[in-house]
PDB file of all heavy atoms in Angstrom:
ATOM      1  N   ALA A   1       0.830  -1.210   0.000  1.00  0.00           N
ATOM      2  CA  ALA A   1       0.000   0.000   0.000  1.00  0.00           C
ATOM      3  C   ALA A   1       0.863   1.258   0.000  1.00  0.00           C
ATOM      4  O   ALA A   1       0.547   2.248  -0.676  1.00  0.00           O
ATOM      5  CB  ALA A   1      -0.935   0.002   1.207  1.00  0.00           C
ATOM      6  N   VAL A   2       1.959   1.234   0.755  1.00  0.00           N
ATOM      7  CA  VAL A   2       2.864   2.389   0.795  1.00  0.00           C
ATOM      8  C   VAL A   2       3.483   2.628  -0.583  1.00  0.00           C
ATOM      9  O   VAL A   2       3.536   3.759  -1.074  1.00  0.00           O
ATOM     10  CB  VAL A   2       3.960   2.181   1.864  1.00  0.00           C
ATOM     11  CG1 VAL A   2       5.012   3.287   1.769  1.00  0.00           C
ATOM     12  CG2 VAL A   2       3.347   2.162   3.255  1.00  0.00           C
ATOM     13  N   LEU A   3       3.936   1.552  -1.231  1.00  0.00           N
ATOM     14  CA  LEU A   3       4.555   1.693  -2.551  1.00  0.00           C
ATOM     15  C   LEU A   3       3.537   2.128  -3.613  1.00  0.00           C
ATOM     16  O   LEU A   3       3.898   2.794  -4.590  1.00  0.00           O
ATOM     17  CB  LEU A   3       5.209   0.372  -2.958  1.00  0.00           C
ATOM     18  CG  LEU A   3       6.473   0.004  -2.172  1.00  0.00           C
ATOM     19  CD1 LEU A   3       6.959  -1.386  -2.552  1.00  0.00           C
ATOM     20  CD2 LEU A   3       7.573   1.037  -2.399  1.00  0.00           C
ATOM     21  N   LYS A   4       2.277   1.765  -3.413  1.00  0.00           N
ATOM     22  CA  LYS A   4       1.228   2.190  -4.340  1.00  0.00           C
ATOM     23  C   LYS A   4       0.855   3.653  -4.123  1.00  0.00           C
ATOM     24  O   LYS A   4       0.499   4.371  -5.073  1.00  0.00           O
ATOM     25  CB  LYS A   4      -0.011   1.302  -4.158  1.00  0.00           C
ATOM     26  CG  LYS A   4      -1.135   1.587  -5.136  1.00  0.00           C
ATOM     27  CD  LYS A   4      -2.293   0.620  -4.924  1.00  0.00           C
ATOM     28  CE  LYS A   4      -3.436   0.897  -5.909  1.00  0.00           C
ATOM     29  NZ  LYS A   4      -4.574  -0.054  -5.698  1.00  0.00           N
ATOM     30  N   THR A   5       0.953   4.119  -2.884  1.00  0.00           N
ATOM     31  CA  THR A   5       0.504   5.465  -2.519  1.00  0.00           C
ATOM     32  C   THR A   5       1.582   6.521  -2.726  1.00  0.00           C
ATOM     33  O   THR A   5       1.287   7.649  -3.126  1.00  0.00           O
ATOM     34  CB  THR A   5       0.047   5.483  -1.044  1.00  0.00           C
ATOM     35  OG1 THR A   5      -0.949   4.474  -0.850  1.00  0.00           O
ATOM     36  CG2 THR A   5      -0.524   6.834  -0.661  1.00  0.00           C
ATOM     37  N   PHE A   6       2.832   6.155  -2.468  1.00  0.00           N
ATOM     38  CA  PHE A   6       3.936   7.116  -2.521  1.00  0.00           C
ATOM     39  C   PHE A   6       4.898   6.728  -3.642  1.00  0.00           C
ATOM     40  O   PHE A   6       5.334   5.580  -3.721  1.00  0.00           O
ATOM     41  CB  PHE A   6       4.684   7.166  -1.195  1.00  0.00           C
ATOM     42  CG  PHE A   6       3.840   7.617  -0.033  1.00  0.00           C
ATOM     43  CD1 PHE A   6       3.184   6.693   0.766  1.00  0.00           C
ATOM     44  CD2 PHE A   6       3.685   8.968   0.252  1.00  0.00           C
ATOM     45  CE1 PHE A   6       2.404   7.102   1.831  1.00  0.00           C
ATOM     46  CE2 PHE A   6       2.903   9.388   1.315  1.00  0.00           C
ATOM     47  CZ  PHE A   6       2.257   8.453   2.106  1.00  0.00           C
ATOM     48  N   ASP A   7       5.234   7.696  -4.478  1.00  0.00           N
ATOM     49  CA  ASP A   7       6.168   7.487  -5.574  1.00  0.00           C
ATOM     50  C   ASP A   7       7.527   8.015  -5.140  1.00  0.00           C
ATOM     51  O   ASP A   7       7.701   9.216  -4.926  1.00  0.00           O
ATOM     52  CB  ASP A   7       5.685   8.220  -6.827  1.00  0.00           C
ATOM     53  CG  ASP A   7       6.440   7.817  -8.082  1.00  0.00           C
ATOM     54  OD1 ASP A   7       7.603   7.376  -7.954  1.00  0.00           O
ATOM     55  OD2 ASP A   7       5.872   7.955  -9.178  1.00  0.00           O
ATOM     56  N   PHE A   8       8.497   7.126  -4.996  1.00  0.00           N
ATOM     57  CA  PHE A   8       9.796   7.492  -4.449  1.00  0.00           C
ATOM     58  C   PHE A   8      10.838   7.802  -5.520  1.00  0.00           C
ATOM     59  O   PHE A   8      12.031   7.879  -5.207  1.00  0.00           O
ATOM     60  CB  PHE A   8      10.303   6.376  -3.526  1.00  0.00           C
ATOM     61  CG  PHE A   8       9.469   6.204  -2.280  1.00  0.00           C
ATOM     62  CD1 PHE A   8       8.566   5.160  -2.172  1.00  0.00           C
ATOM     63  CD2 PHE A   8       9.578   7.099  -1.233  1.00  0.00           C
ATOM     64  CE1 PHE A   8       7.795   4.993  -1.033  1.00  0.00           C
ATOM     65  CE2 PHE A   8       8.814   6.945  -0.082  1.00  0.00           C
ATOM     66  CZ  PHE A   8       7.911   5.894   0.018  1.00  0.00           C
ATOM     67  N   ARG A   9      10.425   8.003  -6.761  1.00  0.00           N
ATOM     68  CA  ARG A   9      11.365   8.440  -7.783  1.00  0.00           C
ATOM     69  C   ARG A   9      11.666   9.936  -7.587  1.00  0.00           C
ATOM     70  O   ARG A   9      10.771  10.702  -7.200  1.00  0.00           O
ATOM     71  CB  ARG A   9      10.792   8.191  -9.173  1.00  0.00           C
ATOM     72  CG  ARG A   9      10.684   6.719  -9.540  1.00  0.00           C
ATOM     73  CD  ARG A   9       9.970   6.506 -10.851  1.00  0.00           C
ATOM     74  NE  ARG A   9       8.562   6.863 -10.768  1.00  0.00           N
ATOM     75  CZ  ARG A   9       7.718   6.841 -11.808  1.00  0.00           C
ATOM     76  NH1 ARG A   9       8.169   6.486 -13.009  1.00  0.00           N
ATOM     77  NH2 ARG A   9       6.454   7.174 -11.647  1.00  0.00           N
ATOM     78  N   PRO A  10      12.910  10.358  -7.829  1.00  0.00           N
ATOM     79  CA  PRO A  10      13.288  11.753  -7.537  1.00  0.00           C
ATOM     80  C   PRO A  10      12.366  12.798  -8.162  1.00  0.00           C
ATOM     81  O   PRO A  10      11.984  13.768  -7.495  1.00  0.00           O
ATOM     82  CB  PRO A  10      14.708  11.854  -8.103  1.00  0.00           C
ATOM     83  CG  PRO A  10      15.232  10.467  -8.043  1.00  0.00           C
ATOM     84  CD  PRO A  10      14.058   9.563  -8.298  1.00  0.00           C
ATOM     85  N   GLY A  11      11.997  12.619  -9.436  1.00  0.00           N
ATOM     86  CA  GLY A  11      11.123  13.593 -10.082  1.00  0.00           C
ATOM     87  C   GLY A  11       9.762  13.663  -9.427  1.00  0.00           C
ATOM     88  O   GLY A  11       9.180  14.746  -9.261  1.00  0.00           O
ATOM     89  N   ALA A  12       9.230  12.507  -9.030  1.00  0.00           N
ATOM     90  CA  ALA A  12       7.933  12.472  -8.362  1.00  0.00           C
ATOM     91  C   ALA A  12       8.003  13.103  -6.977  1.00  0.00           C
ATOM     92  O   ALA A  12       7.070  13.799  -6.546  1.00  0.00           O
ATOM     93  CB  ALA A  12       7.445  11.027  -8.269  1.00  0.00           C
ATOM     94  N   ILE A  13       9.095  12.846  -6.269  1.00  0.00           N
ATOM     95  CA  ILE A  13       9.280  13.456  -4.947  1.00  0.00           C
ATOM     96  C   ILE A  13       9.300  14.977  -5.061  1.00  0.00           C
ATOM     97  O   ILE A  13       8.626  15.686  -4.302  1.00  0.00           O
ATOM     98  CB  ILE A  13      10.587  12.956  -4.299  1.00  0.00           C
ATOM     99  CG1 ILE A  13      10.511  11.460  -3.990  1.00  0.00           C
ATOM    100  CG2 ILE A  13      10.890  13.748  -3.024  1.00  0.00           C
ATOM    101  CD1 ILE A  13      11.830  10.851  -3.533  1.00  0.00           C
ATOM    102  N   ILE A  14      10.076  15.480  -6.009  1.00  0.00           N
ATOM    103  CA  ILE A  14      10.198  16.932  -6.192  1.00  0.00           C
ATOM    104  C   ILE A  14       8.843  17.552  -6.485  1.00  0.00           C
ATOM    105  O   ILE A  14       8.496  18.606  -5.935  1.00  0.00           O
ATOM    106  CB  ILE A  14      11.206  17.240  -7.322  1.00  0.00           C
ATOM    107  CG1 ILE A  14      12.630  16.889  -6.871  1.00  0.00           C
ATOM    108  CG2 ILE A  14      11.128  18.709  -7.741  1.00  0.00           C
ATOM    109  CD1 ILE A  14      13.652  16.886  -7.989  1.00  0.00           C
ATOM    110  N   ASP A  15       8.040  16.905  -7.330  1.00  0.00           N
ATOM    111  CA  ASP A  15       6.720  17.437  -7.666  1.00  0.00           C
ATOM    112  C   ASP A  15       5.752  17.334  -6.496  1.00  0.00           C
ATOM    113  O   ASP A  15       5.042  18.297  -6.165  1.00  0.00           O
ATOM    114  CB  ASP A  15       6.151  16.701  -8.877  1.00  0.00           C
ATOM    115  CG  ASP A  15       6.668  17.261 -10.193  1.00  0.00           C
ATOM    116  OD1 ASP A  15       7.495  18.201 -10.159  1.00  0.00           O
ATOM    117  OD2 ASP A  15       6.249  16.756 -11.251  1.00  0.00           O
ATOM    118  N   LYS A  16       5.695  16.175  -5.863  1.00  0.00           N
ATOM    119  CA  LYS A  16       4.735  15.953  -4.782  1.00  0.00           C
ATOM    120  C   LYS A  16       4.959  16.916  -3.626  1.00  0.00           C
ATOM    121  O   LYS A  16       4.012  17.477  -3.061  1.00  0.00           O
ATOM    122  CB  LYS A  16       4.824  14.507  -4.287  1.00  0.00           C
ATOM    123  CG  LYS A  16       3.896  14.176  -3.118  1.00  0.00           C
ATOM    124  CD  LYS A  16       2.434  14.307  -3.513  1.00  0.00           C
ATOM    125  CE  LYS A  16       1.517  13.968  -2.349  1.00  0.00           C
ATOM    126  NZ  LYS A  16       0.085  14.168  -2.687  1.00  0.00           N
ATOM    127  N   LEU A  17       6.221  17.116  -3.262  1.00  0.00           N
ATOM    128  CA  LEU A  17       6.544  17.978  -2.120  1.00  0.00           C
ATOM    129  C   LEU A  17       6.887  19.409  -2.529  1.00  0.00           C
ATOM    130  O   LEU A  17       7.187  20.239  -1.666  1.00  0.00           O
ATOM    131  CB  LEU A  17       7.704  17.366  -1.323  1.00  0.00           C
ATOM    132  CG  LEU A  17       7.449  15.971  -0.732  1.00  0.00           C
ATOM    133  CD1 LEU A  17       8.676  15.481   0.027  1.00  0.00           C
ATOM    134  CD2 LEU A  17       6.222  15.970   0.176  1.00  0.00           C
ATOM    135  N   ASP A  18       6.834  19.686  -3.834  1.00  0.00           N
ATOM    136  CA  ASP A  18       7.098  21.037  -4.341  1.00  0.00           C
ATOM    137  C   ASP A  18       8.425  21.564  -3.796  1.00  0.00           C
ATOM    138  O   ASP A  18       8.497  22.609  -3.133  1.00  0.00           O
ATOM    139  CB  ASP A  18       5.945  21.970  -3.962  1.00  0.00           C
ATOM    140  CG  ASP A  18       5.988  23.299  -4.718  1.00  0.00           C
ATOM    141  OD1 ASP A  18       6.735  23.395  -5.712  1.00  0.00           O
ATOM    142  OD2 ASP A  18       5.276  24.232  -4.299  1.00  0.00           O
ATOM    143  N   LEU A  19       9.497  20.854  -4.118  1.00  0.00           N
ATOM    144  CA  LEU A  19      10.790  21.111  -3.499  1.00  0.00           C
ATOM    145  C   LEU A  19      11.665  22.116  -4.239  1.00  0.00           C
ATOM    146  O   LEU A  19      12.724  22.493  -3.731  1.00  0.00           O
ATOM    147  CB  LEU A  19      11.562  19.790  -3.352  1.00  0.00           C
ATOM    148  CG  LEU A  19      10.938  18.761  -2.404  1.00  0.00           C
ATOM    149  CD1 LEU A  19      11.795  17.500  -2.344  1.00  0.00           C
ATOM    150  CD2 LEU A  19      10.733  19.335  -1.007  1.00  0.00           C
ATOM    151  N   ARG A  20      11.268  22.544  -5.425  1.00  0.00           N
ATOM    152  CA  ARG A  20      12.098  23.518  -6.151  1.00  0.00           C
ATOM    153  C   ARG A  20      11.771  24.941  -5.693  1.00  0.00           C
ATOM    154  O   ARG A  20      11.477  25.834  -6.487  1.00  0.00           O
ATOM    155  CB  ARG A  20      11.883  23.380  -7.658  1.00  0.00           C
ATOM    156  CG  ARG A  20      12.323  22.050  -8.233  1.00  0.00           C
ATOM    157  CD  ARG A  20      12.334  22.113  -9.751  1.00  0.00           C
ATOM    158  NE  ARG A  20      12.497  20.824 -10.392  1.00  0.00           N
ATOM    159  CZ  ARG A  20      13.660  20.225 -10.637  1.00  0.00           C
ATOM    160  NH1 ARG A  20      14.788  20.816 -10.265  1.00  0.00           N
ATOM    161  NH2 ARG A  20      13.704  19.054 -11.248  1.00  0.00           N
ATOM    162  N   ARG A  21      11.823  25.149  -4.399  1.00  0.00           N
ATOM    163  CA  ARG A  21      11.493  26.444  -3.796  1.00  0.00           C
ATOM    164  C   ARG A  21      12.550  26.809  -2.763  1.00  0.00           C
ATOM    165  O   ARG A  21      13.205  25.935  -2.195  1.00  0.00           O
ATOM    166  CB  ARG A  21      10.131  26.379  -3.101  1.00  0.00           C
ATOM    167  CG  ARG A  21       8.961  26.108  -3.998  1.00  0.00           C
ATOM    168  CD  ARG A  21       7.682  26.078  -3.161  1.00  0.00           C
ATOM    169  NE  ARG A  21       7.607  24.898  -2.292  1.00  0.00           N
ATOM    170  CZ  ARG A  21       7.048  24.885  -1.078  1.00  0.00           C
ATOM    171  NH1 ARG A  21       6.550  26.007  -0.570  1.00  0.00           N
ATOM    172  NH2 ARG A  21       6.998  23.764  -0.376  1.00  0.00           N
ATOM    173  N   PRO A  22      12.679  28.088  -2.454  1.00  0.00           N
ATOM    174  CA  PRO A  22      13.655  28.510  -1.432  1.00  0.00           C
ATOM    175  C   PRO A  22      13.114  28.330  -0.018  1.00  0.00           C
ATOM    176  O   PRO A  22      12.792  29.294   0.686  1.00  0.00           O
ATOM    177  CB  PRO A  22      13.876  29.991  -1.771  1.00  0.00           C
ATOM    178  CG  PRO A  22      12.587  30.437  -2.378  1.00  0.00           C
ATOM    179  CD  PRO A  22      12.082  29.254  -3.160  1.00  0.00           C
ATOM    180  N   ILE A  23      13.045  27.085   0.441  1.00  0.00           N
ATOM    181  CA  ILE A  23      12.468  26.774   1.757  1.00  0.00           C
ATOM    182  C   ILE A  23      13.498  26.184   2.720  1.00  0.00           C
ATOM    183  O   ILE A  23      13.141  25.760   3.831  1.00  0.00           O
ATOM    184  CB  ILE A  23      11.298  25.772   1.621  1.00  0.00           C
ATOM    185  CG1 ILE A  23      11.777  24.464   0.960  1.00  0.00           C
ATOM    186  CG2 ILE A  23      10.149  26.385   0.836  1.00  0.00           C
ATOM    187  CD1 ILE A  23      10.723  23.361   0.935  1.00  0.00           C
ATOM    188  N   TYR A  24      14.758  26.185   2.353  1.00  0.00           N
ATOM    189  CA  TYR A  24      15.712  25.344   3.064  1.00  0.00           C
ATOM    190  C   TYR A  24      16.476  26.035   4.181  1.00  0.00           C
ATOM    191  O   TYR A  24      16.878  25.377   5.152  1.00  0.00           O
ATOM    192  CB  TYR A  24      16.674  24.710   2.053  1.00  0.00           C
ATOM    193  CG  TYR A  24      15.916  23.855   1.066  1.00  0.00           C
ATOM    194  CD1 TYR A  24      15.706  24.286  -0.251  1.00  0.00           C
ATOM    195  CD2 TYR A  24      15.361  22.652   1.450  1.00  0.00           C
ATOM    196  CE1 TYR A  24      14.983  23.513  -1.147  1.00  0.00           C
ATOM    197  CE2 TYR A  24      14.635  21.874   0.567  1.00  0.00           C
ATOM    198  CZ  TYR A  24      14.447  22.308  -0.736  1.00  0.00           C
ATOM    199  OH  TYR A  24      13.718  21.551  -1.610  1.00  0.00           O
ATOM    200  N   ARG A  25      16.679  27.332   4.095  1.00  0.00           N
ATOM    201  CA  ARG A  25      17.423  28.031   5.152  1.00  0.00           C
ATOM    202  C   ARG A  25      16.780  27.796   6.521  1.00  0.00           C
ATOM    203  O   ARG A  25      17.466  27.586   7.532  1.00  0.00           O
ATOM    204  CB  ARG A  25      17.490  29.523   4.814  1.00  0.00           C
ATOM    205  CG  ARG A  25      17.799  30.458   5.975  1.00  0.00           C
ATOM    206  CD  ARG A  25      19.243  30.369   6.456  1.00  0.00           C
ATOM    207  NE  ARG A  25      19.413  30.976   7.774  1.00  0.00           N
ATOM    208  CZ  ARG A  25      19.538  32.278   8.001  1.00  0.00           C
ATOM    209  NH1 ARG A  25      19.525  33.129   6.995  1.00  0.00           N
ATOM    210  NH2 ARG A  25      19.699  32.737   9.228  1.00  0.00           N
ATOM    211  N   LYS A  26      15.454  27.808   6.569  1.00  0.00           N
ATOM    212  CA  LYS A  26      14.765  27.649   7.855  1.00  0.00           C
ATOM    213  C   LYS A  26      14.880  26.244   8.422  1.00  0.00           C
ATOM    214  O   LYS A  26      14.666  26.037   9.622  1.00  0.00           O
ATOM    215  CB  LYS A  26      13.295  28.047   7.709  1.00  0.00           C
ATOM    216  CG  LYS A  26      13.076  29.533   7.458  1.00  0.00           C
ATOM    217  CD  LYS A  26      11.601  29.866   7.330  1.00  0.00           C
ATOM    218  CE  LYS A  26      11.379  31.345   7.091  1.00  0.00           C
ATOM    219  NZ  LYS A  26       9.937  31.673   6.932  1.00  0.00           N
ATOM    220  N   THR A  27      15.198  25.280   7.570  1.00  0.00           N
ATOM    221  CA  THR A  27      15.350  23.907   8.070  1.00  0.00           C
ATOM    222  C   THR A  27      16.743  23.664   8.647  1.00  0.00           C
ATOM    223  O   THR A  27      16.966  22.642   9.307  1.00  0.00           O
ATOM    224  CB  THR A  27      15.114  22.872   6.948  1.00  0.00           C
ATOM    225  OG1 THR A  27      16.189  22.945   5.988  1.00  0.00           O
ATOM    226  CG2 THR A  27      13.796  23.102   6.250  1.00  0.00           C
ATOM    227  N   ALA A  28      17.669  24.572   8.384  1.00  0.00           N
ATOM    228  CA  ALA A  28      19.081  24.314   8.662  1.00  0.00           C
ATOM    229  C   ALA A  28      19.441  24.393  10.138  1.00  0.00           C
ATOM    230  O   ALA A  28      20.564  24.075  10.522  1.00  0.00           O
ATOM    231  CB  ALA A  28      19.963  25.273   7.860  1.00  0.00           C
ATOM    232  N   ALA A  29      18.523  24.807  10.991  1.00  0.00           N
ATOM    233  CA  ALA A  29      18.719  24.756  12.438  1.00  0.00           C
ATOM    234  C   ALA A  29      17.428  24.283  13.083  1.00  0.00           C
ATOM    235  O   ALA A  29      16.341  24.552  12.578  1.00  0.00           O
ATOM    236  CB  ALA A  29      19.129  26.123  12.988  1.00  0.00           C
TER     237      ALA A  29
END
């Protein structure tokens, strides 16, 4: 069920989590 629900390929991860954004400085601490 997990493998059917979540796509762990890099392109799918980037799209699903909308990662091409400047959100990372706040995670660094």
